[in-house]
Amino acid sequence: MYKVYGITNCDTVKKALNWLKDHNVEFEFHDYKKLGISQEKVEEWLTQQPFEKLLNRAGTTWKKLPDEVKNSVTDGKTAIPVMLEKTSAIKRPIIESDKIVALGFNASDYENIFKSQFKLMRQTAFLTFLLLFSVFCKAQDARAPLFKSFDGTMIHYEVQGEGSPVILLHGFIGNSSGWKRGALPAELVKSGFKVILIDLRGNGLSDKPHEESAYANFAEVKDIIGLMKFLGFKKYDVAGYSRGSIIAAKLLTMDKNVHAVVLGGMGTDFTNPDWPRRKMFEEAFSGQAHKHPQTAGAVKYAKSIGADTIVLGLLQKYQPSTSKEELSKVKIPVLVIAGKDDEDNGKATDLARIFSNASFQTVEGNHDNASRSTEFAEAIVNFLKKNQQLGFP
C-alpha cells in the first residue's frame, strides 16, 4: 500500500492518480490542505533545494534527462513532476507512462527535505507527486483563463477582439492553438468579431479526465453551452473544423442560442452512429492500433506531441453522431466548406444538401491544410458578416 501526497486540484496529481487506478496500484491519497499544509509552504520547502542538487540525488543531470522529461519542463528549472517510490533503488529518470513524466528519487532523500516540517513523511512506503522548484501546481495558473464546467472539469479558453461572438472548435488530436496557425482568428478580429478559442475537454490546456463518464452524454457540447452562458452571450456563431464540425452539428440541436454555423472539413459520414472510421480510431487509441495499420501515422503523431492517447480513445468512443433527420430541421444559416481535395469524412456537398438554409463553398487544399488558408478565412468572415447584417434570426 502506497501513500500519495499532493493537492487535489492539481492537474499533475489528477493524472498521477488516474494512472495509479488504471494500473491497479493500491494507494491512499492525502491532501496537503486537509493536513493543514498550504501550497505556499510546500513551494517554500522545495525552493530551498537547489535544482541541480535534486537532479544529482537522482543520479543524473539536465543534459542526461530523456527528451520526454525535458519536453514537460518550461525552462529547464521548473515543472518536473517528482515521483517517490516505495523502493529506494531508483536512481535515474523514469517514464512510467504516456501520461506521467516522472523523475525518480529514493524515499530517504526526499524525506530529509520534509522531515523537519512533516513528520508523517518518515514512512518510506509512499508516493508523492509534486512540482520541483517554485511552481507547485502553478502550471494551473498558466492555463488561465479557465471555466469550470457542469461536472467540475476545467476548460481552457481564450477571447480575442470585440464584437459579435464566434467560437472556434478544433479537430481531433488538436487544440485551440491550431487555429492560430491559420488566418481565421485574425481575420475575424479584424472584421469586428469577438473570437472565443476553446480547448475541448481532453485537449490542450483543459482537464483530461480518464473516467469514461467525463466524455459521455455530449459532455463537450455541454461545455460549450456552459462557457458561452458564463461569458454572457445570448447569441453566438460557431465555426468547427473536422471533428470540431461534428461537435458543432450536435450543438445546433442542443442550443437555440446558436445564430449561424460553419461546418468545415466534414461530409455526412459522422451521421452514422456506427461510422467505421470512428470505430477504427477508437480501437487504435485504445491499445489496438495493430488492427488498423492505416492509423499508424495518427497514433505516432499523437504520441510525438505528448497527447493523452487514453483520452483520444474516449473522445472517439463517445463522439456524438447527429442524424440527417435532426440536421434537416435546423433553420439557422449554415456554411459547409471544404478543401477541393478533401473527402476524408465523406462528401461535403452531401452534407450541405441536408440543411434547408445552407450554402456550400470549396477552397484550395486538402483536409490537412485547407483550414489555414486566407481563402478559407475570408469565406467564413463573409458568410458570418452577411448573416450578421441580416439580423438572423
Protein backbone atom coordinates (compact mmCIF):
# COMPACT_ATOMS: atom_id res chain seq x y z
CA MET A 1 0.00 0.00 0.00
CA TYR A 2 1.36 3.41 -1.02
CA LYS A 3 0.62 6.80 0.45
CA VAL A 4 0.18 9.60 -2.07
CA TYR A 5 0.57 13.21 -1.01
CA GLY A 6 -0.50 16.14 -3.14
CA ILE A 7 -3.08 18.84 -3.76
CA THR A 8 -6.38 17.57 -5.14
CA ASN A 9 -6.98 20.34 -7.69
CA CYS A 10 -3.55 19.97 -9.29
CA ASP A 11 -3.76 18.62 -12.83
CA THR A 12 -0.49 16.71 -12.38
CA VAL A 13 -1.82 14.97 -9.30
CA LYS A 14 -5.06 14.09 -11.08
CA LYS A 15 -3.14 12.45 -13.90
CA ALA A 16 -0.98 10.59 -11.42
CA LEU A 17 -3.96 9.24 -9.50
CA ASN A 18 -5.68 8.19 -12.72
CA TRP A 19 -2.55 6.35 -13.79
CA LEU A 20 -2.36 4.52 -10.47
CA LYS A 21 -6.02 3.48 -10.74
CA ASP A 22 -5.58 2.33 -14.33
CA HIS A 23 -2.65 0.14 -13.26
CA ASN A 24 -4.42 -1.28 -10.18
CA VAL A 25 -1.93 0.22 -7.71
CA GLU A 26 -3.26 0.26 -4.15
CA PHE A 27 -2.83 3.66 -2.50
CA GLU A 28 -4.20 6.14 0.00
CA PHE A 29 -4.40 9.79 -1.03
CA HIS A 30 -3.67 12.57 1.44
CA ASP A 31 -4.41 16.17 0.54
CA TYR A 32 -1.89 18.66 1.92
CA LYS A 33 -4.64 21.20 2.56
CA LYS A 34 -6.60 18.77 4.74
CA LEU A 35 -3.40 18.06 6.65
CA GLY A 36 -3.07 21.77 7.32
CA ILE A 37 -0.11 22.26 4.99
CA SER A 38 -0.51 25.06 2.48
CA GLN A 39 0.58 25.03 -1.14
CA GLU A 40 2.76 28.04 -0.37
CA LYS A 41 4.55 26.10 2.37
CA VAL A 42 5.24 23.19 0.04
CA GLU A 43 6.65 25.63 -2.51
CA GLU A 44 8.80 27.23 0.17
CA TRP A 45 10.31 23.88 1.12
CA LEU A 46 11.01 22.99 -2.49
CA THR A 47 12.64 26.31 -3.35
CA GLN A 48 15.16 25.74 -0.56
CA GLN A 49 16.53 22.80 -2.53
CA PRO A 50 18.82 23.72 -5.47
CA PHE A 51 17.51 22.17 -8.66
CA GLU A 52 20.90 20.77 -9.67
CA LYS A 53 21.26 19.18 -6.24
CA LEU A 54 17.95 17.40 -6.65
CA LEU A 55 18.98 16.15 -10.07
CA ASN A 56 22.26 14.93 -8.63
CA ARG A 57 20.40 12.99 -5.98
CA ALA A 58 18.62 11.22 -8.80
CA GLY A 59 21.96 10.34 -10.29
CA THR A 60 21.57 12.49 -13.37
CA THR A 61 21.97 15.96 -14.86
CA TRP A 62 19.73 18.13 -17.02
CA LYS A 63 21.64 17.12 -20.15
CA LYS A 64 21.03 13.44 -19.44
CA LEU A 65 17.30 13.74 -18.92
CA PRO A 66 15.18 11.95 -21.55
CA ASP A 67 13.54 14.19 -24.12
CA GLU A 68 10.12 13.21 -22.74
CA VAL A 69 11.09 14.79 -19.44
CA LYS A 70 12.69 17.87 -20.97
CA ASN A 71 9.63 18.49 -23.11
CA SER A 72 7.48 18.67 -19.99
CA VAL A 73 9.62 21.38 -18.46
CA THR A 74 9.12 25.04 -19.22
CA ASP A 75 12.64 26.34 -18.74
CA GLY A 76 14.86 23.55 -17.51
CA LYS A 77 14.31 24.53 -13.90
CA THR A 78 10.62 24.13 -13.24
CA ALA A 79 7.59 21.90 -13.56
CA ILE A 80 9.03 18.39 -13.40
CA PRO A 81 6.60 16.08 -11.60
CA VAL A 82 8.54 14.11 -8.98
CA MET A 83 7.57 10.56 -8.15
CA LEU A 84 8.73 8.98 -4.90
CA GLU A 85 8.54 5.22 -4.94
CA LYS A 86 8.29 2.53 -2.31
CA THR A 87 11.71 1.25 -3.29
CA SER A 88 14.88 3.25 -2.79
CA ALA A 89 16.57 1.57 -5.73
CA ILE A 90 15.55 4.10 -8.35
CA LYS A 91 18.42 6.43 -9.11
CA ARG A 92 17.59 7.54 -12.62
CA PRO A 93 14.87 9.41 -14.51
CA ILE A 94 11.98 7.16 -15.42
CA ILE A 95 8.97 7.40 -17.67
CA GLU A 96 6.12 5.49 -16.09
CA SER A 97 3.55 6.03 -18.83
CA ASP A 98 2.48 8.36 -21.61
CA LYS A 99 0.58 10.42 -19.05
CA ILE A 100 3.07 10.80 -16.22
CA VAL A 101 6.52 12.19 -16.77
CA ALA A 102 8.35 11.34 -13.58
CA LEU A 103 11.78 11.78 -12.09
CA GLY A 104 12.72 9.05 -9.64
CA PHE A 105 14.20 9.82 -6.22
CA ASN A 106 14.64 7.43 -3.35
CA ALA A 107 12.35 7.99 -0.41
CA SER A 108 15.04 8.74 2.16
CA ASP A 109 16.43 11.63 0.10
CA TYR A 110 13.08 13.29 -0.18
CA GLU A 111 12.17 12.53 3.41
CA ASN A 112 15.18 14.56 4.52
CA ILE A 113 13.74 17.58 2.72
CA PHE A 114 10.44 17.35 4.55
CA LYS A 115 11.03 15.59 7.85
CA SER A 116 11.53 18.71 9.95
CA GLN A 117 8.16 20.09 8.84
CA PHE A 118 6.15 16.97 8.04
CA LYS A 119 6.66 14.05 10.40
CA LEU A 120 4.20 11.82 8.58
CA MET A 121 6.72 11.51 5.77
CA ARG A 122 9.13 9.49 7.87
CA GLN A 123 7.49 6.38 6.49
CA THR A 124 9.30 5.11 3.42
CA ALA A 125 6.34 3.35 1.82
CA PHE A 126 4.70 6.21 -0.03
CA LEU A 127 4.34 8.02 -3.32
CA THR A 128 4.15 11.76 -3.68
CA PHE A 129 3.63 13.87 -6.76
CA LEU A 130 4.90 17.43 -6.65
CA LEU A 131 6.38 20.01 -8.95
CA LEU A 132 10.02 20.89 -8.42
CA PHE A 133 11.29 24.36 -7.64
CA SER A 134 8.81 27.19 -7.06
CA VAL A 135 5.95 26.13 -9.29
CA PHE A 136 3.96 23.52 -7.40
CA CYS A 137 0.73 23.50 -9.38
CA LYS A 138 1.42 26.98 -10.74
CA ALA A 139 1.04 25.29 -14.09
CA GLN A 140 -2.64 25.57 -13.22
CA ASP A 141 -2.28 29.36 -13.34
CA ALA A 142 -0.59 29.14 -16.71
CA ARG A 143 -3.75 27.51 -18.05
CA ALA A 144 -5.91 30.52 -17.21
CA PRO A 145 -8.45 31.61 -18.12
CA LEU A 146 -10.39 28.53 -17.11
CA PHE A 147 -14.10 27.78 -16.99
CA LYS A 148 -15.46 25.23 -14.50
CA SER A 149 -17.92 23.13 -16.44
CA PHE A 150 -21.03 21.25 -15.29
CA ASP A 151 -19.09 18.30 -13.81
CA GLY A 152 -16.14 20.23 -12.41
CA THR A 153 -13.92 19.74 -15.46
CA MET A 154 -11.80 22.82 -16.07
CA ILE A 155 -11.97 24.13 -19.64
CA HIS A 156 -9.34 26.46 -21.07
CA TYR A 157 -10.47 29.26 -23.36
CA GLU A 158 -9.18 32.49 -24.84
CA VAL A 159 -11.04 35.59 -26.01
CA GLN A 160 -9.76 37.88 -28.76
CA GLY A 161 -11.23 41.06 -30.20
CA GLU A 162 -14.53 42.87 -29.75
CA GLY A 163 -17.87 42.46 -31.45
CA SER A 164 -20.30 39.64 -32.19
CA PRO A 165 -19.07 36.40 -30.58
CA VAL A 166 -17.95 33.40 -32.62
CA ILE A 167 -16.47 30.28 -31.04
CA LEU A 168 -13.97 28.13 -32.94
CA LEU A 169 -13.98 24.35 -32.41
CA HIS A 170 -10.78 22.48 -33.24
CA GLY A 171 -10.36 18.98 -34.62
CA PHE A 172 -9.06 15.62 -33.38
CA ILE A 173 -5.54 15.42 -31.91
CA GLY A 174 -5.54 19.19 -31.74
CA ASN A 175 -6.36 22.18 -29.60
CA SER A 176 -7.17 25.86 -29.93
CA SER A 177 -3.59 26.78 -30.83
CA GLY A 178 -4.09 25.07 -34.18
CA TRP A 179 -6.39 27.88 -35.28
CA LYS A 180 -3.59 30.39 -34.71
CA ARG A 181 -1.50 28.70 -37.39
CA GLY A 182 -4.11 29.79 -39.89
CA ALA A 183 -5.64 33.09 -40.93
CA LEU A 184 -9.15 32.73 -39.48
CA PRO A 185 -8.86 34.17 -35.93
CA ALA A 186 -7.02 37.30 -37.07
CA GLU A 187 -9.42 37.86 -39.98
CA LEU A 188 -12.42 37.56 -37.68
CA VAL A 189 -10.99 40.03 -35.16
CA LYS A 190 -10.09 42.44 -37.95
CA SER A 191 -13.67 42.20 -39.23
CA GLY A 192 -15.25 43.12 -35.91
CA PHE A 193 -15.90 39.75 -34.28
CA LYS A 194 -15.09 38.60 -30.76
CA VAL A 195 -13.30 35.26 -31.15
CA ILE A 196 -13.53 32.57 -28.48
CA LEU A 197 -10.92 29.83 -28.74
CA ILE A 198 -11.61 26.73 -26.66
CA ASP A 199 -9.60 23.64 -25.81
CA LEU A 200 -12.29 20.98 -25.88
CA ARG A 201 -12.11 18.72 -22.82
CA GLY A 202 -9.31 16.20 -23.07
CA ASN A 203 -7.22 18.54 -25.21
CA GLY A 204 -4.70 21.34 -24.85
CA LEU A 205 -4.80 23.13 -21.50
CA SER A 206 -8.21 21.78 -20.48
CA ASP A 207 -8.55 18.94 -17.99
CA LYS A 208 -8.05 15.43 -19.35
CA PRO A 209 -10.06 13.11 -17.10
CA HIS A 210 -9.75 9.36 -17.71
CA GLU A 211 -13.22 8.43 -16.48
CA GLU A 212 -15.48 7.36 -19.34
CA SER A 213 -18.37 9.27 -17.79
CA ALA A 214 -16.46 12.50 -18.41
CA TYR A 215 -17.00 12.16 -22.17
CA ALA A 216 -20.44 10.56 -22.31
CA ASN A 217 -23.79 12.29 -22.83
CA PHE A 218 -22.46 15.07 -25.07
CA ALA A 219 -20.13 16.47 -22.40
CA GLU A 220 -18.16 18.54 -24.93
CA VAL A 221 -21.33 20.21 -26.17
CA LYS A 222 -22.40 20.96 -22.61
CA ASP A 223 -19.00 22.58 -22.02
CA ILE A 224 -19.54 24.94 -24.95
CA ILE A 225 -23.08 25.86 -23.92
CA GLY A 226 -21.92 26.49 -20.35
CA LEU A 227 -18.92 28.56 -21.41
CA MET A 228 -20.96 30.82 -23.67
CA LYS A 229 -23.51 31.39 -20.91
CA PHE A 230 -20.67 32.07 -18.48
CA LEU A 231 -19.29 34.69 -20.87
CA GLY A 232 -22.73 36.29 -21.09
CA PHE A 233 -23.52 35.70 -24.78
CA LYS A 234 -27.21 35.40 -25.62
CA LYS A 235 -26.49 34.67 -29.29
CA TYR A 236 -23.29 33.45 -30.90
CA ASP A 237 -21.85 31.96 -34.07
CA VAL A 238 -19.91 28.70 -34.31
CA ALA A 239 -17.18 27.55 -36.67
CA GLY A 240 -15.88 24.00 -36.48
CA TYR A 241 -13.35 22.07 -38.49
CA SER A 242 -13.04 18.30 -38.87
CA ARG A 243 -14.10 16.77 -35.53
CA GLY A 244 -14.96 20.30 -34.40
CA SER A 245 -17.70 20.26 -37.04
CA ILE A 246 -19.09 17.04 -35.55
CA ILE A 247 -19.35 18.75 -32.17
CA ALA A 248 -20.84 21.86 -33.80
CA ALA A 249 -23.51 19.77 -35.55
CA LYS A 250 -24.69 18.31 -32.25
CA LEU A 251 -24.53 21.78 -30.67
CA LEU A 252 -27.04 23.01 -33.26
CA THR A 253 -29.60 20.55 -31.91
CA MET A 254 -28.98 21.40 -28.25
CA ASP A 255 -28.63 25.19 -28.05
CA LYS A 256 -31.11 27.64 -29.55
CA ASN A 257 -28.65 30.47 -28.93
CA VAL A 258 -26.52 29.48 -31.92
CA HIS A 259 -27.03 32.17 -34.57
CA ALA A 260 -25.10 30.75 -37.54
CA VAL A 261 -22.69 27.86 -38.03
CA VAL A 262 -19.75 26.89 -40.21
CA LEU A 263 -19.03 23.19 -40.73
CA GLY A 264 -15.57 22.77 -42.21
CA GLY A 265 -13.83 19.65 -43.48
CA MET A 266 -16.81 17.36 -42.98
CA GLY A 267 -19.16 15.20 -45.03
CA THR A 268 -22.08 13.07 -43.87
CA ASP A 269 -20.18 10.05 -42.56
CA PHE A 270 -20.44 11.21 -38.93
CA THR A 271 -24.24 10.95 -39.06
CA ASN A 272 -23.82 7.17 -38.87
CA PRO A 273 -23.52 6.13 -35.19
CA ASP A 274 -21.59 3.05 -36.34
CA TRP A 275 -19.22 5.00 -38.58
CA PRO A 276 -16.36 2.56 -39.30
CA ARG A 277 -13.73 5.32 -39.31
CA ARG A 278 -14.73 6.43 -35.81
CA LYS A 279 -14.62 2.87 -34.51
CA MET A 280 -11.26 2.32 -36.16
CA PHE A 281 -9.73 5.33 -34.38
CA GLU A 282 -11.39 4.37 -31.11
CA GLU A 283 -9.66 0.99 -31.25
CA ALA A 284 -6.38 2.48 -32.44
CA PHE A 285 -6.19 4.78 -29.41
CA SER A 286 -7.38 2.07 -27.02
CA GLY A 287 -4.37 -0.19 -27.37
CA GLN A 288 -5.43 -1.97 -30.54
CA ALA A 289 -3.56 0.04 -33.13
CA HIS A 290 -2.16 -3.16 -34.62
CA LYS A 291 -5.62 -3.91 -36.03
CA HIS A 292 -5.57 -0.79 -38.18
CA PRO A 293 -2.23 -0.10 -39.92
CA GLN A 294 -3.78 2.91 -41.65
CA THR A 295 -3.99 4.70 -38.28
CA ALA A 296 -0.28 4.29 -37.54
CA GLY A 297 0.55 7.83 -38.65
CA ALA A 298 -2.10 9.40 -36.41
CA VAL A 299 -1.08 7.34 -33.40
CA LYS A 300 2.60 8.13 -33.94
CA TYR A 301 1.85 11.84 -34.29
CA ALA A 302 -0.30 11.89 -31.16
CA LYS A 303 2.47 10.30 -29.13
CA SER A 304 5.09 12.62 -30.59
CA ILE A 305 3.27 15.70 -29.30
CA GLY A 306 2.53 14.15 -25.91
CA ALA A 307 -1.22 13.81 -26.47
CA ASP A 308 -3.10 11.64 -23.99
CA THR A 309 -3.89 8.52 -26.01
CA ILE A 310 -6.35 7.16 -23.45
CA VAL A 311 -8.36 10.37 -23.72
CA LEU A 312 -8.20 10.27 -27.52
CA GLY A 313 -9.72 6.81 -27.45
CA LEU A 314 -12.53 8.02 -25.19
CA LEU A 315 -13.17 11.04 -27.41
CA GLN A 316 -13.76 8.69 -30.33
CA LYS A 317 -15.85 6.27 -28.30
CA TYR A 318 -18.23 8.99 -27.14
CA GLN A 319 -18.09 11.19 -30.22
CA PRO A 320 -21.63 12.36 -30.95
CA SER A 321 -23.47 11.42 -34.10
CA THR A 322 -26.30 13.64 -35.28
CA SER A 323 -28.83 12.10 -37.64
CA LYS A 324 -29.67 13.54 -41.03
CA GLU A 325 -33.24 13.93 -39.84
CA GLU A 326 -32.11 16.10 -36.91
CA LEU A 327 -29.92 18.23 -39.17
CA SER A 328 -32.70 18.71 -41.71
CA LYS A 329 -34.72 20.52 -39.03
CA VAL A 330 -32.03 23.17 -38.49
CA LYS A 331 -33.27 26.55 -39.72
CA ILE A 332 -30.31 28.83 -38.99
CA PRO A 333 -27.76 29.71 -41.71
CA VAL A 334 -25.13 27.04 -42.32
CA LEU A 335 -21.94 27.24 -44.35
CA VAL A 336 -20.39 23.93 -45.37
CA ILE A 337 -16.82 24.49 -46.52
CA ALA A 338 -14.06 22.09 -47.52
CA GLY A 339 -10.84 21.80 -49.47
CA LYS A 340 -11.22 20.72 -53.08
CA ASP A 341 -9.17 17.61 -52.36
CA ASP A 342 -10.84 16.73 -49.07
CA GLU A 343 -13.09 13.69 -48.83
CA ASP A 344 -11.67 12.32 -45.58
CA ASN A 345 -15.06 12.28 -43.87
CA GLY A 346 -17.38 11.91 -46.84
CA LYS A 347 -18.53 14.48 -49.38
CA ALA A 348 -19.16 17.97 -48.05
CA THR A 349 -21.67 18.57 -50.84
CA ASP A 350 -23.86 15.80 -49.43
CA LEU A 351 -23.78 17.45 -46.01
CA ALA A 352 -24.82 20.83 -47.43
CA ARG A 353 -27.85 19.27 -49.15
CA ILE A 354 -29.29 18.11 -45.83
CA PHE A 355 -29.87 21.63 -44.49
CA SER A 356 -32.73 23.86 -45.58
CA ASN A 357 -30.65 27.04 -45.24
CA ALA A 358 -27.12 26.05 -46.23
CA SER A 359 -24.51 27.36 -48.63
CA PHE A 360 -21.52 25.41 -49.87
CA GLN A 361 -18.04 26.53 -50.78
CA THR A 362 -14.76 24.88 -51.68
CA VAL A 363 -11.28 26.31 -51.26
CA GLU A 364 -7.89 25.15 -52.39
CA GLY A 365 -6.31 22.39 -50.34
CA ASN A 366 -6.93 19.09 -48.61
CA HIS A 367 -8.17 18.11 -45.17
CA ASP A 368 -4.85 18.93 -43.51
CA ASN A 369 -4.20 22.40 -44.91
CA ALA A 370 -7.43 23.96 -46.21
CA SER A 371 -8.40 25.49 -42.86
CA ARG A 372 -5.20 27.52 -42.64
CA SER A 373 -5.63 29.47 -45.86
CA THR A 374 -6.67 33.08 -46.27
CA GLU A 375 -9.28 31.92 -48.78
CA PHE A 376 -10.88 29.73 -46.10
CA ALA A 377 -10.86 32.59 -43.58
CA GLU A 378 -12.34 35.11 -45.99
CA ALA A 379 -15.17 32.75 -46.96
CA ILE A 380 -16.14 32.32 -43.31
CA VAL A 381 -15.88 36.01 -42.49
CA ASN A 382 -18.06 36.92 -45.49
CA PHE A 383 -20.66 34.32 -44.50
CA LEU A 384 -20.86 35.48 -40.89
CA LYS A 385 -20.93 39.18 -41.82
CA LYS A 386 -23.72 38.56 -44.32
CA ASN A 387 -25.90 36.85 -41.73
CA GLN A 388 -24.95 39.37 -39.09
CA GLN A 389 -26.24 42.13 -41.37
CA LEU A 390 -29.46 40.23 -41.99
CA GLY A 391 -30.05 40.15 -38.26
CA PHE A 392 -30.97 36.47 -38.36
CA PRO A 393 -32.97 35.10 -36.70
